[in-house]
Amino acid sequence: MAINGWESDPYLPSQSQALLAENLELSRRLQTLKSLTKLSAEES
């Protein structure tokens, strides 16, 4: 199984998969905000 094989593991309950998907989305959004904050600080 690949490192991210859990993402499509049919044995995980659907609620767990939904929570994992939400976690990934929030992590991506946080990374975007961090990048924007860094860019803004560099422009100042």
Protein backbone atom coordinates (compact mmCIF):
# COMPACT_ATOMS: atom_id res chain seq x y z
CA MET A 1 0.00 0.00 0.00
CA ALA A 2 1.30 3.44 -0.87
CA ILE A 3 1.83 6.11 1.76
CA ASN A 4 -1.47 7.74 0.77
CA GLY A 5 -3.24 4.44 0.15
CA TRP A 6 -5.47 5.08 3.16
CA GLU A 7 -7.22 7.81 1.15
CA SER A 8 -9.02 5.23 -0.97
CA ASP A 9 -9.15 2.38 1.55
CA PRO A 10 -12.67 0.92 1.28
CA TYR A 11 -12.42 -0.44 4.82
CA LEU A 12 -12.39 2.98 6.41
CA PRO A 13 -15.85 4.14 7.45
CA SER A 14 -17.31 6.76 5.15
CA GLN A 15 -17.41 9.31 7.96
CA SER A 16 -13.68 8.86 8.52
CA GLN A 17 -13.04 9.37 4.81
CA ALA A 18 -15.11 12.57 4.91
CA LEU A 19 -13.10 13.83 7.88
CA LEU A 20 -9.83 12.98 6.16
CA ALA A 21 -10.95 14.79 3.02
CA GLU A 22 -11.93 17.85 5.08
CA ASN A 23 -8.58 17.74 6.87
CA LEU A 24 -6.71 17.67 3.56
CA GLU A 25 -8.75 20.60 2.23
CA LEU A 26 -8.13 22.64 5.39
CA SER A 27 -4.41 21.84 5.22
CA ARG A 28 -4.28 23.05 1.62
CA ARG A 29 -6.13 26.24 2.53
CA LEU A 30 -3.80 26.86 5.48
CA GLN A 31 -0.77 26.38 3.26
CA THR A 32 -2.21 28.87 0.77
CA LEU A 33 -2.77 31.42 3.53
CA LYS A 34 0.77 30.91 4.81
CA SER A 35 2.13 31.45 1.29
CA LEU A 36 0.07 34.61 0.83
CA THR A 37 1.17 35.94 4.22
CA LYS A 38 4.80 35.27 3.36
CA LEU A 39 4.45 37.03 -0.01
CA SER A 40 2.75 39.99 1.64
CA ALA A 41 5.51 40.28 4.23
CA GLU A 42 8.19 40.16 1.52
CA GLU A 43 6.50 42.98 -0.42
CA SER A 44 6.44 45.25 2.64
